[in-house]
Amino acid sequence: MEEIIQKIDMKIKEVLEKVNSIEDENSRRVLTAFREEEVVESDFSSTTGYGYHDIGRDKLERIYARIFESESALVRSQFISGSHALTVTFFALLRPGDTLLSITGKPYDTLDEVIGIKENNSSLKAFGINYQQIDLKGDDFDYDKIQKVLKEEKIKVIEIQRSKGYSTRKSISIDQVEKVIKKIREVDQDVIIMVDNCYCEFVSKKEPTMVGADIAVGSLIKNLGGGIAPNGAYVVGKKDLIDLVASRLTLPGEGREVGPTLGINKSFYQGLFLSPSVVAASLKTAIFASALLEEVGYEVEPRYDDERCDIVQNIIFHNKEDLITYCRAIQKYSPVDSNSLLLPSYMPGYSDDIIMASGSFTQGSSIELSCDGPIREPYIAYQQGSLTYSYGRLAVIEAVKELY
């Protein structure tokens, strides 16, 4: 095994250098935003109750807006997850009779009941909001079909999910996002273009709002929390749209003016500050895993030298036993709950039993090393995260040994 690992280290050396370059650029953007907003220690102070006049909270949101080159931002612990932030955004932007169009196929499983793909009396469908989807054409958007639908129907919101979720498709690059937005604007100048940016922040040097997206959404227990934020999510974009989201998260008339931070400001600031480096560590771990697993005979996507659009690494096992073995090994070599024996089981929001390795300091954190997958063909492990490359590399090596 040592000879194989040395071979992999040499093989991926140049690819890791490219990750370092992206980390440097994103670190510069974050540090510049902190300096321009003049962050001071008192910004970490806590508010309670209604959360009026929370200077640190408001400054953090201006920092997010600077980093994403957007008009406004909403960064709140009152968002339970990325899926919750997406849900609030849908309900903020859509009204009865409006149509939501997904142009990356069916969204992530946890949105099935939100949209009404699966029946739920609180879904968008239950409120008279229509849903359509256009599947990808190969690994890219179906540009002709998108333009055709926009010419024939009135669409209120277009949703783009960049990361693959539990599908077998490839994730969507920022260049693809830019291209499809230009194609959309050739036909419709008014449709709201919303991007699910979960798992994708700081993977490249640009973000969706820099290339024309009206609004973007992500979780803070993924990339931008840096492994420090204990919960929360963000929404960035045009001010009028962010104001709508704020009014739906809290209440009309108060919107973003309320929402106590309850002592979480420092974690949000520090997590964002660390996030370029933590995302880089996650990417390096994914690259190493891809090269090593392919070397020992498994199918992987993306390959080690492919362009990365998110921090997720697919390992396609084609059998249930290897999927379970690998996930159990990742759990075994995690810092928390390493003594747990994983069993596939039901999880809220999913149709299939899920096996999930997440020995993390924050429950469900995907920027810490985790690995999960549905118990269904073709038995794919979706690995993501790692707070440092050394810890991630160590766990992957030991997991591969467990397979043998």
Protein backbone atom coordinates (compact mmCIF):
# COMPACT_ATOMS: atom_id res chain seq x y z
CA MET A 1 0.00 0.00 0.00
CA GLU A 2 2.88 2.41 0.76
CA GLU A 3 4.14 2.20 -2.82
CA ILE A 4 0.65 2.92 -4.16
CA ILE A 5 0.27 5.94 -1.88
CA GLN A 6 3.66 7.36 -2.94
CA LYS A 7 2.60 6.92 -6.56
CA ILE A 8 -0.67 8.76 -5.92
CA ASP A 9 1.09 11.62 -4.10
CA MET A 10 3.32 12.20 -7.14
CA LYS A 11 0.42 11.82 -9.56
CA ILE A 12 -1.75 14.51 -7.95
CA LYS A 13 0.98 17.02 -7.05
CA GLU A 14 0.24 19.48 -9.89
CA VAL A 15 -3.53 19.23 -9.35
CA LEU A 16 -3.10 20.17 -5.69
CA GLU A 17 -1.08 23.22 -6.72
CA LYS A 18 -4.07 24.47 -8.72
CA VAL A 19 -6.20 24.15 -5.57
CA ASN A 20 -3.65 26.28 -3.71
CA SER A 21 -4.04 29.01 -6.33
CA ILE A 22 -7.83 29.06 -5.88
CA GLU A 23 -7.41 29.13 -2.10
CA ASP A 24 -5.09 32.15 -2.36
CA GLU A 25 -7.55 34.13 -4.49
CA ASN A 26 -10.56 33.38 -2.29
CA SER A 27 -8.57 34.13 0.87
CA ARG A 28 -7.68 37.51 -0.59
CA ARG A 29 -11.37 38.28 -1.25
CA VAL A 30 -12.39 37.31 2.27
CA LEU A 31 -9.61 39.27 3.97
CA THR A 32 -10.32 42.32 1.79
CA ALA A 33 -14.02 42.22 2.77
CA PHE A 34 -13.14 41.95 6.48
CA ARG A 35 -10.79 44.93 6.20
CA GLU A 36 -13.16 47.06 4.13
CA GLU A 37 -15.95 46.54 6.65
CA GLU A 38 -13.52 47.20 9.52
CA VAL A 39 -14.37 44.19 11.66
CA VAL A 40 -13.72 44.81 15.37
CA GLU A 41 -13.98 42.60 18.42
CA SER A 42 -17.27 44.16 19.53
CA ASP A 43 -18.88 42.77 16.35
CA PHE A 44 -18.81 39.38 18.08
CA SER A 45 -21.22 40.61 20.77
CA SER A 46 -24.54 38.84 21.30
CA THR A 47 -28.13 40.01 21.05
CA THR A 48 -31.21 38.35 22.52
CA GLY A 49 -34.97 38.71 22.22
CA TYR A 50 -35.91 40.45 19.00
CA GLY A 51 -32.32 41.09 17.99
CA TYR A 52 -32.75 44.76 17.12
CA HIS A 53 -29.65 46.76 16.15
CA ASP A 54 -27.26 43.80 15.96
CA ILE A 55 -24.26 45.61 14.49
CA GLY A 56 -22.12 42.48 14.12
CA ARG A 57 -24.88 40.55 12.33
CA ASP A 58 -25.51 43.40 9.90
CA LYS A 59 -21.79 43.86 9.21
CA LEU A 60 -21.34 40.15 8.50
CA GLU A 61 -24.12 40.33 5.93
CA ARG A 62 -22.38 43.25 4.23
CA ILE A 63 -19.20 41.15 4.15
CA TYR A 64 -21.07 38.32 2.42
CA ALA A 65 -22.48 40.78 -0.10
CA ARG A 66 -18.95 42.04 -0.85
CA ILE A 67 -17.53 38.54 -1.26
CA PHE A 68 -20.35 37.50 -3.61
CA GLU A 69 -20.39 40.88 -5.39
CA SER A 70 -24.13 41.08 -4.71
CA GLU A 71 -26.41 43.88 -3.57
CA SER A 72 -27.44 42.27 -0.30
CA ALA A 73 -27.19 39.19 1.91
CA LEU A 74 -29.06 37.41 4.68
CA VAL A 75 -26.88 35.25 6.98
CA ARG A 76 -28.84 33.78 9.87
CA SER A 77 -28.77 31.01 12.45
CA GLN A 78 -32.57 30.95 12.16
CA PHE A 79 -32.06 28.97 8.94
CA ILE A 80 -31.91 25.33 10.08
CA SER A 81 -30.17 24.05 6.95
CA GLY A 82 -29.49 24.74 3.31
CA SER A 83 -32.75 22.99 2.40
CA HIS A 84 -34.59 25.26 4.84
CA ALA A 85 -33.02 28.36 3.26
CA LEU A 86 -34.03 27.11 -0.19
CA THR A 87 -37.58 26.51 1.05
CA VAL A 88 -37.88 29.97 2.58
CA THR A 89 -36.56 31.46 -0.66
CA PHE A 90 -39.05 29.53 -2.80
CA PHE A 91 -41.97 30.67 -0.67
CA ALA A 92 -40.64 34.24 -0.66
CA LEU A 93 -40.35 34.50 -4.43
CA LEU A 94 -43.34 32.46 -5.65
CA ARG A 95 -47.07 33.17 -5.45
CA PRO A 96 -50.15 31.01 -6.25
CA GLY A 97 -50.32 30.50 -10.01
CA ASP A 98 -46.56 31.07 -10.50
CA THR A 99 -44.32 28.42 -12.02
CA LEU A 100 -40.99 27.17 -10.69
CA LEU A 101 -38.73 25.63 -13.36
CA SER A 102 -35.73 23.47 -12.46
CA ILE A 103 -33.28 23.25 -15.36
CA THR A 104 -30.98 20.69 -13.71
CA GLY A 105 -33.56 17.91 -13.45
CA LYS A 106 -35.14 16.85 -10.18
CA PRO A 107 -33.68 18.71 -7.20
CA TYR A 108 -32.19 17.12 -4.10
CA ASP A 109 -34.36 14.53 -2.31
CA THR A 110 -35.11 16.76 0.69
CA LEU A 111 -36.99 19.17 -1.61
CA ASP A 112 -39.45 16.55 -2.91
CA GLU A 113 -42.06 17.38 -0.28
CA VAL A 114 -41.23 21.09 -0.38
CA ILE A 115 -42.05 21.29 -4.09
CA GLY A 116 -44.87 18.74 -4.01
CA ILE A 117 -43.20 15.99 -6.04
CA LYS A 118 -44.20 13.94 -3.00
CA GLU A 119 -47.51 14.94 -1.46
CA ASN A 120 -47.41 17.28 1.52
CA ASN A 121 -50.13 19.70 2.58
CA SER A 122 -47.53 22.43 3.17
CA SER A 123 -45.78 22.08 -0.22
CA LEU A 124 -45.54 24.69 -2.97
CA LYS A 125 -48.01 22.57 -4.93
CA ALA A 126 -50.53 22.75 -2.06
CA PHE A 127 -50.36 26.55 -2.34
CA GLY A 128 -51.11 26.47 -6.07
CA ILE A 129 -47.55 26.92 -7.28
CA ASN A 130 -46.69 24.95 -10.41
CA TYR A 131 -43.50 23.01 -10.98
CA GLN A 132 -41.70 21.92 -14.15
CA GLN A 133 -38.26 20.49 -14.78
CA ILE A 134 -35.91 20.16 -17.70
CA ASP A 135 -33.34 17.40 -17.44
CA LEU A 136 -29.73 17.96 -18.34
CA LYS A 137 -28.64 16.93 -21.80
CA GLY A 138 -25.67 14.72 -21.09
CA ASP A 139 -23.51 16.73 -18.71
CA ASP A 140 -24.77 20.15 -19.80
CA PHE A 141 -27.94 22.20 -19.91
CA ASP A 142 -30.53 21.57 -22.62
CA TYR A 143 -30.22 25.13 -23.91
CA ASP A 144 -32.70 24.76 -26.78
CA LYS A 145 -35.43 23.31 -24.59
CA ILE A 146 -34.89 25.97 -21.91
CA GLN A 147 -35.30 28.76 -24.45
CA LYS A 148 -38.33 27.04 -26.00
CA VAL A 149 -40.13 26.77 -22.63
CA LEU A 150 -39.34 30.41 -21.81
CA LYS A 151 -40.79 31.54 -25.16
CA GLU A 152 -43.98 29.52 -24.70
CA GLU A 153 -44.72 29.94 -20.99
CA LYS A 154 -44.41 32.49 -18.22
CA ILE A 155 -41.88 31.23 -15.69
CA LYS A 156 -41.42 33.12 -12.42
CA VAL A 157 -38.33 31.39 -10.97
CA ILE A 158 -35.65 29.23 -12.58
CA GLU A 159 -33.76 27.02 -10.14
CA ILE A 160 -30.26 25.70 -10.83
CA GLN A 161 -28.83 23.09 -8.47
CA ARG A 162 -25.08 23.05 -9.01
CA SER A 163 -24.15 20.03 -6.90
CA LYS A 164 -25.33 16.59 -7.96
CA GLY A 165 -27.14 15.56 -4.76
CA TYR A 166 -27.83 11.82 -4.84
CA SER A 167 -28.04 11.73 -8.64
CA THR A 168 -25.46 10.22 -10.99
CA ARG A 169 -24.99 13.37 -13.07
CA LYS A 170 -21.97 15.63 -12.97
CA SER A 171 -22.04 18.85 -10.97
CA ILE A 172 -22.45 22.18 -12.73
CA SER A 173 -19.43 24.46 -13.21
CA ILE A 174 -19.53 28.22 -12.81
CA ASP A 175 -18.78 28.58 -16.55
CA GLN A 176 -21.87 26.51 -17.36
CA VAL A 177 -23.93 28.69 -15.00
CA GLU A 178 -22.67 31.82 -16.77
CA LYS A 179 -23.46 30.40 -20.21
CA VAL A 180 -27.00 29.29 -19.36
CA ILE A 181 -27.80 32.65 -17.74
CA LYS A 182 -26.81 34.40 -20.97
CA LYS A 183 -29.05 32.01 -22.93
CA ILE A 184 -31.96 32.66 -20.53
CA ARG A 185 -31.56 36.44 -20.78
CA GLU A 186 -31.71 36.24 -24.58
CA VAL A 187 -35.35 35.21 -24.14
CA ASP A 188 -36.50 36.53 -20.75
CA GLN A 189 -35.08 39.52 -18.89
CA ASP A 190 -37.45 39.25 -15.93
CA VAL A 191 -37.40 35.62 -14.80
CA ILE A 192 -35.67 35.21 -11.43
CA ILE A 193 -32.59 32.98 -11.69
CA MET A 194 -31.93 31.24 -8.38
CA VAL A 195 -28.90 29.04 -7.73
CA ASP A 196 -28.58 26.33 -5.10
CA ASN A 197 -24.89 26.87 -4.36
CA CYS A 198 -24.50 24.24 -1.61
CA TYR A 199 -21.10 22.45 -1.63
CA CYS A 200 -19.78 24.82 -4.34
CA GLU A 201 -18.61 27.97 -2.56
CA PHE A 202 -14.89 28.80 -2.98
CA VAL A 203 -14.31 25.75 -5.19
CA SER A 204 -13.56 28.18 -8.00
CA LYS A 205 -12.69 31.88 -8.15
CA LYS A 206 -16.22 33.01 -9.07
CA GLU A 207 -19.68 32.65 -7.52
CA PRO A 208 -23.09 32.60 -9.28
CA THR A 209 -23.99 36.20 -8.41
CA MET A 210 -20.78 37.32 -10.16
CA VAL A 211 -21.98 35.82 -13.46
CA GLY A 212 -25.58 37.05 -13.50
CA ALA A 213 -27.59 34.98 -11.01
CA ASP A 214 -30.25 37.00 -9.19
CA ILE A 215 -30.02 35.03 -5.95
CA ALA A 216 -27.91 32.20 -4.50
CA VAL A 217 -28.39 30.02 -1.43
CA GLY A 218 -26.10 27.86 0.69
CA SER A 219 -25.57 26.22 4.07
CA LEU A 220 -23.13 27.22 6.80
CA ILE A 221 -22.48 23.64 7.91
CA LYS A 222 -21.02 23.20 4.47
CA ASN A 223 -18.32 25.30 2.81
CA LEU A 224 -18.71 28.81 4.21
CA GLY A 225 -19.00 27.74 7.84
CA GLY A 226 -15.41 26.56 7.72
CA GLY A 227 -16.16 23.78 10.22
CA ILE A 228 -16.72 26.44 12.90
CA ALA A 229 -20.32 27.60 12.35
CA PRO A 230 -22.65 25.27 14.32
CA ASN A 231 -25.67 25.86 12.05
CA GLY A 232 -27.21 28.44 9.74
CA ALA A 233 -27.37 29.37 6.07
CA TYR A 234 -27.03 32.35 3.76
CA VAL A 235 -28.93 33.91 0.88
CA VAL A 236 -27.21 36.52 -1.34
CA GLY A 237 -28.44 38.49 -4.32
CA LYS A 238 -30.51 41.47 -5.39
CA LYS A 239 -31.74 43.63 -2.54
CA ASP A 240 -35.45 43.45 -3.37
CA LEU A 241 -35.30 39.65 -3.46
CA ILE A 242 -33.31 39.39 -0.23
CA ASP A 243 -35.86 41.66 1.45
CA LEU A 244 -38.62 39.23 0.38
CA VAL A 245 -36.67 36.30 1.83
CA ALA A 246 -36.09 38.18 5.10
CA SER A 247 -39.81 38.92 5.40
CA ARG A 248 -40.61 35.24 4.90
CA LEU A 249 -37.96 34.06 7.38
CA THR A 250 -39.18 36.44 10.09
CA LEU A 251 -42.34 38.45 9.34
CA PRO A 252 -43.50 41.15 6.94
CA GLY A 253 -42.82 44.60 8.31
CA GLU A 254 -39.81 43.51 10.36
CA GLY A 255 -37.82 41.34 7.95
CA ARG A 256 -34.07 41.53 8.46
CA GLU A 257 -34.34 44.00 11.35
CA VAL A 258 -35.04 41.14 13.78
CA GLY A 259 -33.29 37.87 14.53
CA PRO A 260 -31.10 37.61 17.64
CA THR A 261 -27.63 36.17 17.19
CA LEU A 262 -27.50 34.58 20.67
CA GLY A 263 -23.70 34.58 20.74
CA ILE A 264 -23.12 33.00 17.33
CA ASN A 265 -21.50 35.97 15.56
CA LYS A 266 -17.91 35.01 16.35
CA SER A 267 -18.42 31.48 14.98
CA PHE A 268 -19.91 32.86 11.76
CA TYR A 269 -17.06 35.36 11.29
CA GLN A 270 -14.32 32.88 12.12
CA GLY A 271 -15.87 30.12 10.01
CA LEU A 272 -16.06 32.40 6.99
CA PHE A 273 -12.47 33.53 7.53
CA LEU A 274 -11.23 29.92 7.59
CA SER A 275 -13.46 28.65 4.80
CA PRO A 276 -11.12 29.17 1.80
CA SER A 277 -8.51 26.96 3.50
CA VAL A 278 -11.02 24.36 4.69
CA VAL A 279 -12.61 24.13 1.25
CA ALA A 280 -9.13 23.66 -0.21
CA ALA A 281 -8.46 20.83 2.27
CA SER A 282 -11.76 19.22 1.26
CA LEU A 283 -10.85 19.44 -2.42
CA LYS A 284 -7.42 17.94 -1.82
CA THR A 285 -8.95 15.08 0.15
CA ALA A 286 -11.44 14.44 -2.67
CA ILE A 287 -8.66 14.51 -5.29
CA PHE A 288 -6.55 12.06 -3.27
CA ALA A 289 -9.54 9.76 -2.73
CA SER A 290 -10.43 9.83 -6.41
CA ALA A 291 -6.91 8.93 -7.52
CA LEU A 292 -6.43 6.21 -4.89
CA LEU A 293 -9.82 4.53 -5.34
CA GLU A 294 -9.40 4.52 -9.11
CA GLU A 295 -5.90 3.08 -8.74
CA VAL A 296 -7.26 0.11 -6.77
CA GLY A 297 -10.01 -0.58 -9.29
CA TYR A 298 -13.11 1.45 -8.42
CA GLU A 299 -15.08 3.79 -10.66
CA VAL A 300 -14.94 7.42 -9.54
CA GLU A 301 -16.50 10.74 -10.57
CA PRO A 302 -14.95 13.21 -10.93
CA ARG A 303 -11.55 11.78 -11.76
CA TYR A 304 -8.62 13.24 -9.85
CA ASP A 305 -7.65 15.70 -12.63
CA ASP A 306 -11.17 16.74 -13.71
CA GLU A 307 -12.42 20.26 -13.12
CA ARG A 308 -14.06 20.41 -9.68
CA CYS A 309 -17.39 22.18 -9.26
CA ASP A 310 -18.08 21.17 -5.65
CA ILE A 311 -16.45 19.32 -2.76
CA VAL A 312 -18.31 16.05 -3.44
CA GLN A 313 -16.50 12.92 -4.61
CA ASN A 314 -18.50 10.01 -6.01
CA ILE A 315 -17.19 6.48 -5.54
CA ILE A 316 -19.31 4.02 -7.54
CA PHE A 317 -19.08 0.61 -5.89
CA HIS A 318 -21.78 -1.27 -7.83
CA ASN A 319 -22.42 -3.40 -4.75
CA LYS A 320 -24.02 -2.81 -1.38
CA GLU A 321 -21.32 -4.46 0.71
CA ASP A 322 -18.42 -2.25 -0.42
CA LEU A 323 -20.52 0.90 -0.01
CA ILE A 324 -21.32 -0.03 3.58
CA THR A 325 -17.72 -1.10 4.33
CA TYR A 326 -16.26 2.14 3.04
CA CYS A 327 -18.70 4.38 4.92
CA ARG A 328 -18.14 2.41 8.12
CA ALA A 329 -14.39 2.87 7.73
CA ILE A 330 -14.72 6.64 7.28
CA GLN A 331 -16.76 6.70 10.50
CA LYS A 332 -14.16 4.53 12.23
CA TYR A 333 -11.39 7.00 11.38
CA SER A 334 -13.36 10.10 12.38
CA PRO A 335 -12.66 12.12 15.55
CA VAL A 336 -16.20 11.80 16.96
CA ASP A 337 -18.28 8.61 17.38
CA SER A 338 -15.50 6.49 15.89
CA ASN A 339 -16.80 3.56 17.94
CA SER A 340 -20.20 3.61 16.22
CA LEU A 341 -21.25 0.80 13.87
CA LEU A 342 -23.20 2.30 10.99
CA LEU A 343 -26.42 0.69 9.77
CA PRO A 344 -28.43 1.77 6.71
CA SER A 345 -31.68 3.29 7.92
CA TYR A 346 -34.55 5.65 7.17
CA MET A 347 -33.80 9.38 7.27
CA PRO A 348 -36.45 12.13 7.05
CA GLY A 349 -36.77 13.52 3.54
CA TYR A 350 -35.31 10.51 1.72
CA SER A 351 -37.03 7.69 -0.17
CA ASP A 352 -34.34 5.04 0.31
CA ASP A 353 -32.47 3.85 3.37
CA ILE A 354 -29.28 5.88 3.82
CA ILE A 355 -25.91 4.94 5.23
CA MET A 356 -24.19 8.01 6.60
CA ALA A 357 -20.71 8.40 8.07
CA SER A 358 -20.36 11.72 9.85
CA GLY A 359 -18.06 11.62 12.84
CA SER A 360 -18.16 15.38 13.03
CA PHE A 361 -18.04 18.05 15.72
CA THR A 362 -21.22 19.58 14.25
CA GLN A 363 -24.09 17.19 13.61
CA GLY A 364 -24.59 16.66 9.88
CA SER A 365 -21.67 18.90 8.91
CA SER A 366 -20.63 18.26 5.31
CA ILE A 367 -17.49 20.40 5.40
CA GLU A 368 -16.08 17.96 7.94
CA LEU A 369 -15.15 14.59 6.42
CA SER A 370 -18.32 12.64 5.79
CA CYS A 371 -19.48 9.93 3.44
CA ASP A 372 -23.00 8.79 2.73
CA GLY A 373 -25.22 7.26 0.11
CA PRO A 374 -28.62 5.71 -0.57
CA ILE A 375 -28.91 1.94 -0.55
CA ARG A 376 -29.83 1.69 -4.23
CA GLU A 377 -28.14 0.94 -7.52
CA PRO A 378 -25.43 1.72 -8.50
CA TYR A 379 -24.42 2.01 -4.80
CA ILE A 380 -22.57 5.32 -4.82
CA ALA A 381 -20.71 6.76 -1.84
CA TYR A 382 -20.86 10.55 -1.81
CA GLN A 383 -17.79 11.71 0.11
CA GLN A 384 -17.24 15.33 1.01
CA GLY A 385 -15.35 17.63 3.33
CA SER A 386 -12.32 17.47 5.62
CA LEU A 387 -11.13 20.17 7.97
CA THR A 388 -7.52 19.42 7.04
CA TYR A 389 -5.94 17.48 4.20
CA SER A 390 -3.82 15.40 6.58
CA TYR A 391 -6.83 14.09 8.51
CA GLY A 392 -8.81 13.45 5.33
CA ARG A 393 -5.94 11.67 3.61
CA LEU A 394 -5.39 9.45 6.65
CA ALA A 395 -9.06 8.42 6.81
CA VAL A 396 -9.22 7.64 3.09
CA ILE A 397 -6.08 5.47 3.27
CA GLU A 398 -7.48 3.49 6.17
CA ALA A 399 -10.88 3.14 4.46
CA VAL A 400 -9.23 1.68 1.36
CA LYS A 401 -7.34 -0.78 3.56
CA GLU A 402 -10.67 -1.82 5.12
CA LEU A 403 -12.01 -2.65 1.65
CA TYR A 404 -9.24 -5.21 1.33
